[in-house]
Amino acid sequence: MYKNRIVKDELIGRNVTIKECTDPNWINISGKIIDETKNTLVIEIGDQKKRIGKNTATFEFEYDRKKTIVEGTRLLYRPEDRIKKAR
């Protein structure tokens, strides 16, 4: 249930942890989402800004005080379209 809600919600400003990724260097990296495009998330990690492809990772969000894991492919929409299209 929470997966469906987070997919349709605003991601900018949320803390995120990368749980799985095609690049093993990204696994278990945490930060704050500061920007989003159709295919990428920009995550602030410490004092650096890193861009990661949505389709390359599985993300863990804290949503309503619960950990929610979402496959990046479910987020592959422009932020403004995700509310209408995501399932």
C-alpha atoms as a PDB file:
ATOM      1  CA  MET A   1       0.000   0.000   0.000  1.00  0.00           C
ATOM      2  CA  TYR A   2       2.755   2.474   0.880  1.00  0.00           C
ATOM      3  CA  LYS A   3       4.550   1.740  -2.403  1.00  0.00           C
ATOM      4  CA  ASN A   4       1.565   3.009  -4.348  1.00  0.00           C
ATOM      5  CA  ARG A   5       1.327   6.145  -2.230  1.00  0.00           C
ATOM      6  CA  ILE A   6       5.003   7.100  -2.407  1.00  0.00           C
ATOM      7  CA  VAL A   7       5.097   6.587  -6.169  1.00  0.00           C
ATOM      8  CA  LYS A   8       2.390   9.234  -6.530  1.00  0.00           C
ATOM      9  CA  ASP A   9       3.883  11.649  -3.995  1.00  0.00           C
ATOM     10  CA  GLU A  10       6.559  14.345  -4.127  1.00  0.00           C
ATOM     11  CA  LEU A  11      10.069  12.896  -3.802  1.00  0.00           C
ATOM     12  CA  ILE A  12      12.101  16.101  -3.558  1.00  0.00           C
ATOM     13  CA  GLY A  13      13.098  16.688   0.042  1.00  0.00           C
ATOM     14  CA  ARG A  14      12.787  13.017   1.041  1.00  0.00           C
ATOM     15  CA  ASN A  15      15.650  10.984   2.438  1.00  0.00           C
ATOM     16  CA  VAL A  16      16.491   7.933   0.381  1.00  0.00           C
ATOM     17  CA  THR A  17      18.781   4.907   0.629  1.00  0.00           C
ATOM     18  CA  ILE A  18      19.826   2.931  -2.425  1.00  0.00           C
ATOM     19  CA  LYS A  19      19.253  -0.746  -1.625  1.00  0.00           C
ATOM     20  CA  GLU A  20      20.142  -2.333  -4.978  1.00  0.00           C
ATOM     21  CA  CYS A  21      21.932  -0.914  -7.996  1.00  0.00           C
ATOM     22  CA  THR A  22      23.632  -2.046 -11.175  1.00  0.00           C
ATOM     23  CA  ASP A  23      26.718  -0.168  -9.896  1.00  0.00           C
ATOM     24  CA  PRO A  24      27.733  -1.794  -6.585  1.00  0.00           C
ATOM     25  CA  ASN A  25      29.401   1.442  -5.415  1.00  0.00           C
ATOM     26  CA  TRP A  26      25.929   2.975  -4.917  1.00  0.00           C
ATOM     27  CA  ILE A  27      24.520   0.250  -2.656  1.00  0.00           C
ATOM     28  CA  ASN A  28      23.593   1.511   0.851  1.00  0.00           C
ATOM     29  CA  ILE A  29      24.340   5.146  -0.040  1.00  0.00           C
ATOM     30  CA  SER A  30      21.919   7.537   1.661  1.00  0.00           C
ATOM     31  CA  GLY A  31      21.066  11.148   1.044  1.00  0.00           C
ATOM     32  CA  LYS A  32      18.369  13.700   0.399  1.00  0.00           C
ATOM     33  CA  ILE A  33      16.646  14.038  -2.975  1.00  0.00           C
ATOM     34  CA  ILE A  34      17.121  17.605  -4.203  1.00  0.00           C
ATOM     35  CA  ASP A  35      15.961  17.302  -7.819  1.00  0.00           C
ATOM     36  CA  GLU A  36      14.175  14.878 -10.117  1.00  0.00           C
ATOM     37  CA  THR A  37      13.801  14.408 -13.852  1.00  0.00           C
ATOM     38  CA  LYS A  38      11.971  11.767 -15.844  1.00  0.00           C
ATOM     39  CA  ASN A  39      14.911   9.354 -15.685  1.00  0.00           C
ATOM     40  CA  THR A  40      17.104  10.502 -12.790  1.00  0.00           C
ATOM     41  CA  LEU A  41      17.222  11.570  -9.169  1.00  0.00           C
ATOM     42  CA  VAL A  42      19.749  14.089  -7.876  1.00  0.00           C
ATOM     43  CA  ILE A  43      20.773  13.122  -4.359  1.00  0.00           C
ATOM     44  CA  GLU A  44      22.702  15.310  -1.946  1.00  0.00           C
ATOM     45  CA  ILE A  45      25.226  13.108  -0.171  1.00  0.00           C
ATOM     46  CA  GLY A  46      27.144  15.138   2.374  1.00  0.00           C
ATOM     47  CA  ASP A  47      28.348  18.182   0.446  1.00  0.00           C
ATOM     48  CA  GLN A  48      28.191  16.470  -2.961  1.00  0.00           C
ATOM     49  CA  LYS A  49      25.357  16.197  -5.467  1.00  0.00           C
ATOM     50  CA  LYS A  50      25.111  12.894  -7.330  1.00  0.00           C
ATOM     51  CA  ARG A  51      22.774  11.916 -10.158  1.00  0.00           C
ATOM     52  CA  ILE A  52      21.511   8.340 -10.396  1.00  0.00           C
ATOM     53  CA  GLY A  53      19.321   6.732 -13.030  1.00  0.00           C
ATOM     54  CA  LYS A  54      15.942   5.639 -11.732  1.00  0.00           C
ATOM     55  CA  ASN A  55      15.977   2.470 -13.823  1.00  0.00           C
ATOM     56  CA  THR A  56      19.317   1.321 -12.375  1.00  0.00           C
ATOM     57  CA  ALA A  57      18.372   1.117  -8.705  1.00  0.00           C
ATOM     58  CA  THR A  58      15.910   0.121  -6.017  1.00  0.00           C
ATOM     59  CA  PHE A  59      15.263   2.822  -3.436  1.00  0.00           C
ATOM     60  CA  GLU A  60      14.214   2.779   0.199  1.00  0.00           C
ATOM     61  CA  PHE A  61      12.149   5.711   1.462  1.00  0.00           C
ATOM     62  CA  GLU A  62      10.815   6.441   4.901  1.00  0.00           C
ATOM     63  CA  TYR A  63       7.136   7.144   4.361  1.00  0.00           C
ATOM     64  CA  ASP A  64       4.691   7.657   7.225  1.00  0.00           C
ATOM     65  CA  ARG A  65       7.408   6.400   9.613  1.00  0.00           C
ATOM     66  CA  LYS A  66       7.710   3.099   7.723  1.00  0.00           C
ATOM     67  CA  LYS A  67      10.482   1.919   5.436  1.00  0.00           C
ATOM     68  CA  THR A  68       9.187   1.477   1.901  1.00  0.00           C
ATOM     69  CA  ILE A  69      11.192  -0.105  -0.907  1.00  0.00           C
ATOM     70  CA  VAL A  70      10.355   0.975  -4.454  1.00  0.00           C
ATOM     71  CA  GLU A  71      11.877  -0.236  -7.715  1.00  0.00           C
ATOM     72  CA  GLY A  72      13.233   2.693  -9.685  1.00  0.00           C
ATOM     73  CA  THR A  73      11.383   1.594 -12.807  1.00  0.00           C
ATOM     74  CA  ARG A  74       8.112   2.502 -11.027  1.00  0.00           C
ATOM     75  CA  LEU A  75       9.355   6.099 -10.810  1.00  0.00           C
ATOM     76  CA  LEU A  76      10.155   6.508 -14.524  1.00  0.00           C
ATOM     77  CA  TYR A  77       7.871   9.449 -15.208  1.00  0.00           C
ATOM     78  CA  ARG A  78       8.286  13.168 -15.102  1.00  0.00           C
ATOM     79  CA  PRO A  79       7.428  14.224 -11.564  1.00  0.00           C
ATOM     80  CA  GLU A  80       4.313  16.073 -12.674  1.00  0.00           C
ATOM     81  CA  ASP A  81       3.052  13.053 -14.678  1.00  0.00           C
ATOM     82  CA  ARG A  82       3.755  10.404 -12.056  1.00  0.00           C
ATOM     83  CA  ILE A  83       0.611  11.306 -10.108  1.00  0.00           C
ATOM     84  CA  LYS A  84      -1.571  10.532 -13.113  1.00  0.00           C
ATOM     85  CA  LYS A  85       0.250   7.514 -14.585  1.00  0.00           C
ATOM     86  CA  ALA A  86       1.877   5.561 -11.760  1.00  0.00           C
ATOM     87  CA  ARG A  87       0.240   2.380 -10.515  1.00  0.00           C
END
